[in-house]
Amino acid sequence: MDVRATRRGVPAAVLWGGIGVLAWATLTVLLGGGSAHADDQDDGPLDGLTSLVSETVSAVTAPVTPVVTQVVAPVVTQVVAPVQRTVPRWSPR
């Protein structure tokens, strides 16, 4: 560290900290562990419950989906048209 570096306003602690970070990063890359991989654990106690809930939700929503689509589509059409006429089109500046 020379006097000119500290006179420019860069404290010695910042420069030494930068060197420390670079050294730490180098050691991490060179001595780091193996690559990441998926967890290969056995099924947990709640795995059966979560799949049951997922299947139940799918079974309940499947028959309702066409009805909801038929009801919601006209409403969306009726709401979007006045909003498009009222609100001017946005354009980036």
PDB file of N, CA and C in Angstrom:
ATOM      1  N   MET A   1       0.855  -1.161   0.000  1.00  0.00           N
ATOM      2  CA  MET A   1       0.000   0.000   0.000  1.00  0.00           C
ATOM      3  C   MET A   1       0.899   1.222   0.000  1.00  0.00           C
ATOM      4  N   ASP A   2       0.658   2.098  -0.946  1.00  0.00           N
ATOM      5  CA  ASP A   2       1.475   3.307  -0.986  1.00  0.00           C
ATOM      6  C   ASP A   2       0.644   4.511  -0.542  1.00  0.00           C
ATOM      7  N   VAL A   3       1.299   5.609  -0.362  1.00  0.00           N
ATOM      8  CA  VAL A   3       0.663   6.808   0.163  1.00  0.00           C
ATOM      9  C   VAL A   3      -0.314   7.384  -0.842  1.00  0.00           C
ATOM     10  N   ARG A   4      -0.032   7.278  -2.131  1.00  0.00           N
ATOM     11  CA  ARG A   4      -0.925   7.846  -3.141  1.00  0.00           C
ATOM     12  C   ARG A   4      -2.308   7.184  -3.118  1.00  0.00           C
ATOM     13  N   ALA A   5      -2.378   5.886  -2.883  1.00  0.00           N
ATOM     14  CA  ALA A   5      -3.662   5.184  -2.864  1.00  0.00           C
ATOM     15  C   ALA A   5      -4.544   5.699  -1.732  1.00  0.00           C
ATOM     16  N   THR A   6      -3.954   5.945  -0.586  1.00  0.00           N
ATOM     17  CA  THR A   6      -4.766   6.431   0.527  1.00  0.00           C
ATOM     18  C   THR A   6      -5.108   7.903   0.364  1.00  0.00           C
ATOM     19  N   ARG A   7      -4.298   8.675  -0.329  1.00  0.00           N
ATOM     20  CA  ARG A   7      -4.611  10.083  -0.548  1.00  0.00           C
ATOM     21  C   ARG A   7      -5.752  10.262  -1.533  1.00  0.00           C
ATOM     22  N   ARG A   8      -5.989   9.302  -2.408  1.00  0.00           N
ATOM     23  CA  ARG A   8      -7.096   9.384  -3.354  1.00  0.00           C
ATOM     24  C   ARG A   8      -8.430   9.102  -2.684  1.00  0.00           C
ATOM     25  N   GLY A   9      -8.444   8.723  -1.469  1.00  0.00           N
ATOM     26  CA  GLY A   9      -9.678   8.487  -0.749  1.00  0.00           C
ATOM     27  C   GLY A   9     -10.058   7.028  -0.625  1.00  0.00           C
ATOM     28  N   VAL A  10      -9.209   6.099  -1.046  1.00  0.00           N
ATOM     29  CA  VAL A  10      -9.500   4.680  -0.905  1.00  0.00           C
ATOM     30  C   VAL A  10      -8.793   4.191   0.354  1.00  0.00           C
ATOM     31  N   PRO A  11      -9.541   3.907   1.400  1.00  0.00           N
ATOM     32  CA  PRO A  11      -8.904   3.461   2.639  1.00  0.00           C
ATOM     33  C   PRO A  11      -8.211   2.112   2.455  1.00  0.00           C
ATOM     34  N   ALA A  12      -7.169   1.925   3.197  1.00  0.00           N
ATOM     35  CA  ALA A  12      -6.416   0.672   3.114  1.00  0.00           C
ATOM     36  C   ALA A  12      -7.287  -0.515   3.508  1.00  0.00           C
ATOM     37  N   ALA A  13      -8.204  -0.309   4.432  1.00  0.00           N
ATOM     38  CA  ALA A  13      -9.069  -1.412   4.866  1.00  0.00           C
ATOM     39  C   ALA A  13      -9.945  -1.904   3.707  1.00  0.00           C
ATOM     40  N   VAL A  14     -10.401  -1.002   2.852  1.00  0.00           N
ATOM     41  CA  VAL A  14     -11.222  -1.394   1.706  1.00  0.00           C
ATOM     42  C   VAL A  14     -10.394  -2.220   0.726  1.00  0.00           C
ATOM     43  N   LEU A  15      -9.180  -1.775   0.461  1.00  0.00           N
ATOM     44  CA  LEU A  15      -8.322  -2.524  -0.458  1.00  0.00           C
ATOM     45  C   LEU A  15      -7.970  -3.899   0.099  1.00  0.00           C
ATOM     46  N   TRP A  16      -7.635  -3.973   1.371  1.00  0.00           N
ATOM     47  CA  TRP A  16      -7.321  -5.274   1.970  1.00  0.00           C
ATOM     48  C   TRP A  16      -8.574  -6.157   2.026  1.00  0.00           C
ATOM     49  N   GLY A  17      -9.712  -5.551   2.242  1.00  0.00           N
ATOM     50  CA  GLY A  17     -10.961  -6.318   2.230  1.00  0.00           C
ATOM     51  C   GLY A  17     -11.232  -6.911   0.856  1.00  0.00           C
ATOM     52  N   GLY A  18     -10.973  -6.126  -0.188  1.00  0.00           N
ATOM     53  CA  GLY A  18     -11.140  -6.626  -1.552  1.00  0.00           C
ATOM     54  C   GLY A  18     -10.217  -7.789  -1.845  1.00  0.00           C
ATOM     55  N   ILE A  19      -8.983  -7.680  -1.386  1.00  0.00           N
ATOM     56  CA  ILE A  19      -8.022  -8.779  -1.570  1.00  0.00           C
ATOM     57  C   ILE A  19      -8.496 -10.014  -0.813  1.00  0.00           C
ATOM     58  N   GLY A  20      -9.027  -9.807   0.381  1.00  0.00           N
ATOM     59  CA  GLY A  20      -9.538 -10.933   1.169  1.00  0.00           C
ATOM     60  C   GLY A  20     -10.699 -11.630   0.486  1.00  0.00           C
ATOM     61  N   VAL A  21     -11.607 -10.835  -0.097  1.00  0.00           N
ATOM     62  CA  VAL A  21     -12.756 -11.416  -0.798  1.00  0.00           C
ATOM     63  C   VAL A  21     -12.292 -12.212  -2.010  1.00  0.00           C
ATOM     64  N   LEU A  22     -11.347 -11.673  -2.765  1.00  0.00           N
ATOM     65  CA  LEU A  22     -10.821 -12.414  -3.920  1.00  0.00           C
ATOM     66  C   LEU A  22     -10.140 -13.709  -3.495  1.00  0.00           C
ATOM     67  N   ALA A  23      -9.383 -13.666  -2.387  1.00  0.00           N
ATOM     68  CA  ALA A  23      -8.726 -14.881  -1.889  1.00  0.00           C
ATOM     69  C   ALA A  23      -9.769 -15.914  -1.460  1.00  0.00           C
ATOM     70  N   TRP A  24     -10.819 -15.458  -0.763  1.00  0.00           N
ATOM     71  CA  TRP A  24     -11.874 -16.363  -0.323  1.00  0.00           C
ATOM     72  C   TRP A  24     -12.581 -17.000  -1.525  1.00  0.00           C
ATOM     73  N   ALA A  25     -12.879 -16.197  -2.543  1.00  0.00           N
ATOM     74  CA  ALA A  25     -13.547 -16.724  -3.736  1.00  0.00           C
ATOM     75  C   ALA A  25     -12.666 -17.748  -4.451  1.00  0.00           C
ATOM     76  N   THR A  26     -11.370 -17.463  -4.523  1.00  0.00           N
ATOM     77  CA  THR A  26     -10.445 -18.396  -5.174  1.00  0.00           C
ATOM     78  C   THR A  26     -10.395 -19.716  -4.419  1.00  0.00           C
ATOM     79  N   LEU A  27     -10.285 -19.651  -3.099  1.00  0.00           N
ATOM     80  CA  LEU A  27     -10.253 -20.887  -2.305  1.00  0.00           C
ATOM     81  C   LEU A  27     -11.571 -21.655  -2.422  1.00  0.00           C
ATOM     82  N   THR A  28     -12.676 -20.947  -2.486  1.00  0.00           N
ATOM     83  CA  THR A  28     -13.972 -21.615  -2.616  1.00  0.00           C
ATOM     84  C   THR A  28     -14.069 -22.360  -3.942  1.00  0.00           C
ATOM     85  N   VAL A  29     -13.604 -21.742  -5.004  1.00  0.00           N
ATOM     86  CA  VAL A  29     -13.658 -22.388  -6.312  1.00  0.00           C
ATOM     87  C   VAL A  29     -12.722 -23.590  -6.360  1.00  0.00           C
ATOM     88  N   LEU A  30     -11.521 -23.441  -5.817  1.00  0.00           N
ATOM     89  CA  LEU A  30     -10.535 -24.509  -5.912  1.00  0.00           C
ATOM     90  C   LEU A  30     -10.800 -25.657  -4.948  1.00  0.00           C
ATOM     91  N   LEU A  31     -11.275 -25.336  -3.747  1.00  0.00           N
ATOM     92  CA  LEU A  31     -11.427 -26.368  -2.730  1.00  0.00           C
ATOM     93  C   LEU A  31     -12.889 -26.704  -2.434  1.00  0.00           C
ATOM     94  N   GLY A  32     -13.802 -26.168  -3.207  1.00  0.00           N
ATOM     95  CA  GLY A  32     -15.233 -26.385  -2.966  1.00  0.00           C
ATOM     96  C   GLY A  32     -15.615 -27.844  -3.122  1.00  0.00           C
ATOM     97  N   GLY A  33     -16.746 -28.206  -2.534  1.00  0.00           N
ATOM     98  CA  GLY A  33     -17.226 -29.582  -2.584  1.00  0.00           C
ATOM     99  C   GLY A  33     -17.729 -29.957  -3.960  1.00  0.00           C
ATOM    100  N   GLY A  34     -18.375 -31.094  -4.028  1.00  0.00           N
ATOM    101  CA  GLY A  34     -18.906 -31.598  -5.288  1.00  0.00           C
ATOM    102  C   GLY A  34     -20.088 -30.778  -5.770  1.00  0.00           C
ATOM    103  N   SER A  35     -20.582 -31.127  -6.916  1.00  0.00           N
ATOM    104  CA  SER A  35     -21.700 -30.399  -7.499  1.00  0.00           C
ATOM    105  C   SER A  35     -22.992 -30.719  -6.745  1.00  0.00           C
ATOM    106  N   ALA A  36     -23.975 -29.860  -6.884  1.00  0.00           N
ATOM    107  CA  ALA A  36     -25.264 -30.046  -6.222  1.00  0.00           C
ATOM    108  C   ALA A  36     -26.032 -31.172  -6.897  1.00  0.00           C
ATOM    109  N   HIS A  37     -26.854 -31.852  -6.134  1.00  0.00           N
ATOM    110  CA  HIS A  37     -27.671 -32.925  -6.680  1.00  0.00           C
ATOM    111  C   HIS A  37     -28.983 -32.988  -5.907  1.00  0.00           C
ATOM    112  N   ALA A  38     -29.945 -33.664  -6.477  1.00  0.00           N
ATOM    113  CA  ALA A  38     -31.261 -33.768  -5.856  1.00  0.00           C
ATOM    114  C   ALA A  38     -31.186 -34.590  -4.581  1.00  0.00           C
ATOM    115  N   ASP A  39     -32.090 -34.308  -3.679  1.00  0.00           N
ATOM    116  CA  ASP A  39     -32.159 -35.034  -2.423  1.00  0.00           C
ATOM    117  C   ASP A  39     -32.820 -36.385  -2.663  1.00  0.00           C
ATOM    118  N   ASP A  40     -32.127 -37.450  -2.346  1.00  0.00           N
ATOM    119  CA  ASP A  40     -32.628 -38.804  -2.608  1.00  0.00           C
ATOM    120  C   ASP A  40     -33.150 -39.478  -1.354  1.00  0.00           C
ATOM    121  N   GLN A  41     -33.857 -38.735  -0.527  1.00  0.00           N
ATOM    122  CA  GLN A  41     -34.380 -39.310   0.707  1.00  0.00           C
ATOM    123  C   GLN A  41     -35.643 -40.114   0.419  1.00  0.00           C
ATOM    124  N   ASP A  42     -35.979 -40.990   1.367  1.00  0.00           N
ATOM    125  CA  ASP A  42     -37.216 -41.753   1.269  1.00  0.00           C
ATOM    126  C   ASP A  42     -38.400 -40.812   1.442  1.00  0.00           C
ATOM    127  N   ASP A  43     -39.588 -41.319   1.093  1.00  0.00           N
ATOM    128  CA  ASP A  43     -40.793 -40.516   1.241  1.00  0.00           C
ATOM    129  C   ASP A  43     -41.008 -40.146   2.706  1.00  0.00           C
ATOM    130  N   GLY A  44     -41.427 -38.913   2.924  1.00  0.00           N
ATOM    131  CA  GLY A  44     -41.693 -38.440   4.278  1.00  0.00           C
ATOM    132  C   GLY A  44     -43.094 -38.813   4.719  1.00  0.00           C
ATOM    133  N   PRO A  45     -43.428 -38.536   5.977  1.00  0.00           N
ATOM    134  CA  PRO A  45     -44.736 -38.927   6.505  1.00  0.00           C
ATOM    135  C   PRO A  45     -45.896 -38.140   5.884  1.00  0.00           C
ATOM    136  N   LEU A  46     -45.647 -36.948   5.333  1.00  0.00           N
ATOM    137  CA  LEU A  46     -46.730 -36.142   4.773  1.00  0.00           C
ATOM    138  C   LEU A  46     -46.862 -36.283   3.260  1.00  0.00           C
ATOM    139  N   ASP A  47     -46.006 -37.046   2.621  1.00  0.00           N
ATOM    140  CA  ASP A  47     -46.064 -37.169   1.166  1.00  0.00           C
ATOM    141  C   ASP A  47     -47.377 -37.777   0.696  1.00  0.00           C
ATOM    142  N   GLY A  48     -47.881 -38.769   1.388  1.00  0.00           N
ATOM    143  CA  GLY A  48     -49.152 -39.371   1.028  1.00  0.00           C
ATOM    144  C   GLY A  48     -50.306 -38.394   1.191  1.00  0.00           C
ATOM    145  N   LEU A  49     -50.239 -37.569   2.238  1.00  0.00           N
ATOM    146  CA  LEU A  49     -51.294 -36.596   2.492  1.00  0.00           C
ATOM    147  C   LEU A  49     -51.314 -35.522   1.416  1.00  0.00           C
ATOM    148  N   THR A  50     -50.154 -35.035   1.021  1.00  0.00           N
ATOM    149  CA  THR A  50     -50.119 -33.980   0.007  1.00  0.00           C
ATOM    150  C   THR A  50     -50.606 -34.496  -1.342  1.00  0.00           C
ATOM    151  N   SER A  51     -50.291 -35.722  -1.681  1.00  0.00           N
ATOM    152  CA  SER A  51     -50.790 -36.257  -2.951  1.00  0.00           C
ATOM    153  C   SER A  51     -52.295 -36.484  -2.881  1.00  0.00           C
ATOM    154  N   LEU A  52     -52.801 -36.862  -1.726  1.00  0.00           N
ATOM    155  CA  LEU A  52     -54.239 -37.044  -1.560  1.00  0.00           C
ATOM    156  C   LEU A  52     -54.976 -35.712  -1.718  1.00  0.00           C
ATOM    157  N   VAL A  53     -54.437 -34.660  -1.128  1.00  0.00           N
ATOM    158  CA  VAL A  53     -55.050 -33.335  -1.246  1.00  0.00           C
ATOM    159  C   VAL A  53     -55.028 -32.881  -2.698  1.00  0.00           C
ATOM    160  N   SER A  54     -53.921 -33.090  -3.386  1.00  0.00           N
ATOM    161  CA  SER A  54     -53.813 -32.697  -4.785  1.00  0.00           C
ATOM    162  C   SER A  54     -54.833 -33.438  -5.646  1.00  0.00           C
ATOM    163  N   GLU A  55     -54.964 -34.726  -5.434  1.00  0.00           N
ATOM    164  CA  GLU A  55     -55.934 -35.508  -6.200  1.00  0.00           C
ATOM    165  C   GLU A  55     -57.364 -35.064  -5.907  1.00  0.00           C
ATOM    166  N   THR A  56     -57.655 -34.747  -4.643  1.00  0.00           N
ATOM    167  CA  THR A  56     -59.001 -34.315  -4.263  1.00  0.00           C
ATOM    168  C   THR A  56     -59.344 -32.975  -4.907  1.00  0.00           C
ATOM    169  N   VAL A  57     -58.404 -32.042  -4.877  1.00  0.00           N
ATOM    170  CA  VAL A  57     -58.644 -30.735  -5.489  1.00  0.00           C
ATOM    171  C   VAL A  57     -58.870 -30.885  -6.990  1.00  0.00           C
ATOM    172  N   SER A  58     -58.084 -31.716  -7.634  1.00  0.00           N
ATOM    173  CA  SER A  58     -58.258 -31.940  -9.075  1.00  0.00           C
ATOM    174  C   SER A  58     -59.611 -32.573  -9.374  1.00  0.00           C
ATOM    175  N   ALA A  59     -60.028 -33.524  -8.552  1.00  0.00           N
ATOM    176  CA  ALA A  59     -61.306 -34.205  -8.770  1.00  0.00           C
ATOM    177  C   ALA A  59     -62.480 -33.249  -8.563  1.00  0.00           C
ATOM    178  N   VAL A  60     -62.360 -32.319  -7.630  1.00  0.00           N
ATOM    179  CA  VAL A  60     -63.453 -31.392  -7.352  1.00  0.00           C
ATOM    180  C   VAL A  60     -63.514 -30.284  -8.402  1.00  0.00           C
ATOM    181  N   THR A  61     -62.393 -29.791  -8.850  1.00  0.00           N
ATOM    182  CA  THR A  61     -62.395 -28.668  -9.788  1.00  0.00           C
ATOM    183  C   THR A  61     -62.633 -29.094 -11.234  1.00  0.00           C
ATOM    184  N   ALA A  62     -62.382 -30.339 -11.583  1.00  0.00           N
ATOM    185  CA  ALA A  62     -62.544 -30.779 -12.968  1.00  0.00           C
ATOM    186  C   ALA A  62     -63.970 -30.590 -13.492  1.00  0.00           C
ATOM    187  N   PRO A  63     -65.006 -31.002 -12.773  1.00  0.00           N
ATOM    188  CA  PRO A  63     -66.356 -30.815 -13.316  1.00  0.00           C
ATOM    189  C   PRO A  63     -66.823 -29.354 -13.295  1.00  0.00           C
ATOM    190  N   VAL A  64     -66.238 -28.538 -12.459  1.00  0.00           N
ATOM    191  CA  VAL A  64     -66.678 -27.153 -12.312  1.00  0.00           C
ATOM    192  C   VAL A  64     -66.011 -26.243 -13.344  1.00  0.00           C
ATOM    193  N   THR A  65     -64.883 -26.610 -13.872  1.00  0.00           N
ATOM    194  CA  THR A  65     -64.112 -25.748 -14.762  1.00  0.00           C
ATOM    195  C   THR A  65     -64.893 -25.290 -15.991  1.00  0.00           C
ATOM    196  N   PRO A  66     -65.604 -26.164 -16.718  1.00  0.00           N
ATOM    197  CA  PRO A  66     -66.347 -25.674 -17.885  1.00  0.00           C
ATOM    198  C   PRO A  66     -67.445 -24.673 -17.514  1.00  0.00           C
ATOM    199  N   VAL A  67     -68.111 -24.892 -16.394  1.00  0.00           N
ATOM    200  CA  VAL A  67     -69.179 -23.988 -15.960  1.00  0.00           C
ATOM    201  C   VAL A  67     -68.591 -22.620 -15.613  1.00  0.00           C
ATOM    202  N   VAL A  68     -67.493 -22.610 -14.901  1.00  0.00           N
ATOM    203  CA  VAL A  68     -66.852 -21.341 -14.534  1.00  0.00           C
ATOM    204  C   VAL A  68     -66.413 -20.602 -15.791  1.00  0.00           C
ATOM    205  N   THR A  69     -65.895 -21.309 -16.754  1.00  0.00           N
ATOM    206  CA  THR A  69     -65.463 -20.674 -17.998  1.00  0.00           C
ATOM    207  C   THR A  69     -66.652 -20.048 -18.718  1.00  0.00           C
ATOM    208  N   GLN A  70     -67.776 -20.743 -18.763  1.00  0.00           N
ATOM    209  CA  GLN A  70     -68.965 -20.210 -19.423  1.00  0.00           C
ATOM    210  C   GLN A  70     -69.510 -18.972 -18.719  1.00  0.00           C
ATOM    211  N   VAL A  71     -69.410 -18.938 -17.401  1.00  0.00           N
ATOM    212  CA  VAL A  71     -69.939 -17.807 -16.644  1.00  0.00           C
ATOM    213  C   VAL A  71     -68.980 -16.623 -16.684  1.00  0.00           C
ATOM    214  N   VAL A  72     -67.703 -16.882 -16.587  1.00  0.00           N
ATOM    215  CA  VAL A  72     -66.719 -15.806 -16.481  1.00  0.00           C
ATOM    216  C   VAL A  72     -66.454 -15.143 -17.834  1.00  0.00           C
ATOM    217  N   ALA A  73     -66.470 -15.876 -18.917  1.00  0.00           N
ATOM    218  CA  ALA A  73     -66.135 -15.306 -20.231  1.00  0.00           C
ATOM    219  C   ALA A  73     -67.025 -14.123 -20.611  1.00  0.00           C
ATOM    220  N   PRO A  74     -68.352 -14.206 -20.490  1.00  0.00           N
ATOM    221  CA  PRO A  74     -69.174 -13.033 -20.828  1.00  0.00           C
ATOM    222  C   PRO A  74     -68.928 -11.850 -19.895  1.00  0.00           C
ATOM    223  N   VAL A  75     -68.688 -12.132 -18.636  1.00  0.00           N
ATOM    224  CA  VAL A  75     -68.434 -11.049 -17.683  1.00  0.00           C
ATOM    225  C   VAL A  75     -67.148 -10.311 -18.047  1.00  0.00           C
ATOM    226  N   VAL A  76     -66.127 -11.064 -18.381  1.00  0.00           N
ATOM    227  CA  VAL A  76     -64.861 -10.435 -18.767  1.00  0.00           C
ATOM    228  C   VAL A  76     -65.060  -9.589 -20.013  1.00  0.00           C
ATOM    229  N   THR A  77     -65.797 -10.101 -20.970  1.00  0.00           N
ATOM    230  CA  THR A  77     -66.047  -9.344 -22.198  1.00  0.00           C
ATOM    231  C   THR A  77     -66.818  -8.057 -21.900  1.00  0.00           C
ATOM    232  N   GLN A  78     -67.824  -8.141 -21.037  1.00  0.00           N
ATOM    233  CA  GLN A  78     -68.622  -6.967 -20.695  1.00  0.00           C
ATOM    234  C   GLN A  78     -67.815  -5.926 -19.924  1.00  0.00           C
ATOM    235  N   VAL A  79     -66.847  -6.346 -19.136  1.00  0.00           N
ATOM    236  CA  VAL A  79     -66.051  -5.406 -18.326  1.00  0.00           C
ATOM    237  C   VAL A  79     -64.908  -4.821 -19.135  1.00  0.00           C
ATOM    238  N   VAL A  80     -64.277  -5.606 -19.974  1.00  0.00           N
ATOM    239  CA  VAL A  80     -63.093  -5.145 -20.697  1.00  0.00           C
ATOM    240  C   VAL A  80     -63.431  -4.064 -21.707  1.00  0.00           C
ATOM    241  N   ALA A  81     -64.534  -4.191 -22.402  1.00  0.00           N
ATOM    242  CA  ALA A  81     -64.883  -3.223 -23.444  1.00  0.00           C
ATOM    243  C   ALA A  81     -65.012  -1.799 -22.898  1.00  0.00           C
ATOM    244  N   PRO A  82     -65.784  -1.531 -21.824  1.00  0.00           N
ATOM    245  CA  PRO A  82     -65.854  -0.160 -21.312  1.00  0.00           C
ATOM    246  C   PRO A  82     -64.523   0.344 -20.759  1.00  0.00           C
ATOM    247  N   VAL A  83     -63.770  -0.541 -20.171  1.00  0.00           N
ATOM    248  CA  VAL A  83     -62.476  -0.129 -19.621  1.00  0.00           C
ATOM    249  C   VAL A  83     -61.545   0.281 -20.747  1.00  0.00           C
ATOM    250  N   GLN A  84     -61.558  -0.432 -21.853  1.00  0.00           N
ATOM    251  CA  GLN A  84     -60.708  -0.071 -22.990  1.00  0.00           C
ATOM    252  C   GLN A  84     -61.107   1.275 -23.580  1.00  0.00           C
ATOM    253  N   ARG A  85     -62.396   1.583 -23.579  1.00  0.00           N
ATOM    254  CA  ARG A  85     -62.845   2.879 -24.094  1.00  0.00           C
ATOM    255  C   ARG A  85     -62.518   4.010 -23.126  1.00  0.00           C
ATOM    256  N   THR A  86     -62.558   3.736 -21.824  1.00  0.00           N
ATOM    257  CA  THR A  86     -62.366   4.776 -20.817  1.00  0.00           C
ATOM    258  C   THR A  86     -60.904   5.090 -20.575  1.00  0.00           C
ATOM    259  N   VAL A  87     -60.097   4.072 -20.449  1.00  0.00           N
ATOM    260  CA  VAL A  87     -58.688   4.261 -20.105  1.00  0.00           C
ATOM    261  C   VAL A  87     -57.876   4.372 -21.397  1.00  0.00           C
ATOM    262  N   PRO A  88     -57.129   5.470 -21.561  1.00  0.00           N
ATOM    263  CA  PRO A  88     -56.308   5.571 -22.777  1.00  0.00           C
ATOM    264  C   PRO A  88     -55.191   4.531 -22.776  1.00  0.00           C
ATOM    265  N   ARG A  89     -54.790   4.171 -23.959  1.00  0.00           N
ATOM    266  CA  ARG A  89     -53.721   3.180 -24.106  1.00  0.00           C
ATOM    267  C   ARG A  89     -52.428   3.742 -23.549  1.00  0.00           C
ATOM    268  N   TRP A  90     -51.749   2.940 -22.729  1.00  0.00           N
ATOM    269  CA  TRP A  90     -50.497   3.364 -22.120  1.00  0.00           C
ATOM    270  C   TRP A  90     -49.367   3.190 -23.105  1.00  0.00           C
ATOM    271  N   SER A  91     -48.493   4.167 -23.165  1.00  0.00           N
ATOM    272  CA  SER A  91     -47.314   4.038 -24.030  1.00  0.00           C
ATOM    273  C   SER A  91     -46.103   4.519 -23.258  1.00  0.00           C
ATOM    274  N   PRO A  92     -44.995   3.799 -23.360  1.00  0.00           N
ATOM    275  CA  PRO A  92     -43.785   4.216 -22.659  1.00  0.00           C
ATOM    276  C   PRO A  92     -43.227   5.510 -23.261  1.00  0.00           C
ATOM    277  N   ARG A  93     -42.640   6.284 -22.424  1.00  0.00           N
ATOM    278  CA  ARG A  93     -42.075   7.558 -22.897  1.00  0.00           C
ATOM    279  C   ARG A  93     -40.641   7.436 -23.271  1.00  0.00           C
TER     280      ARG A  93
END
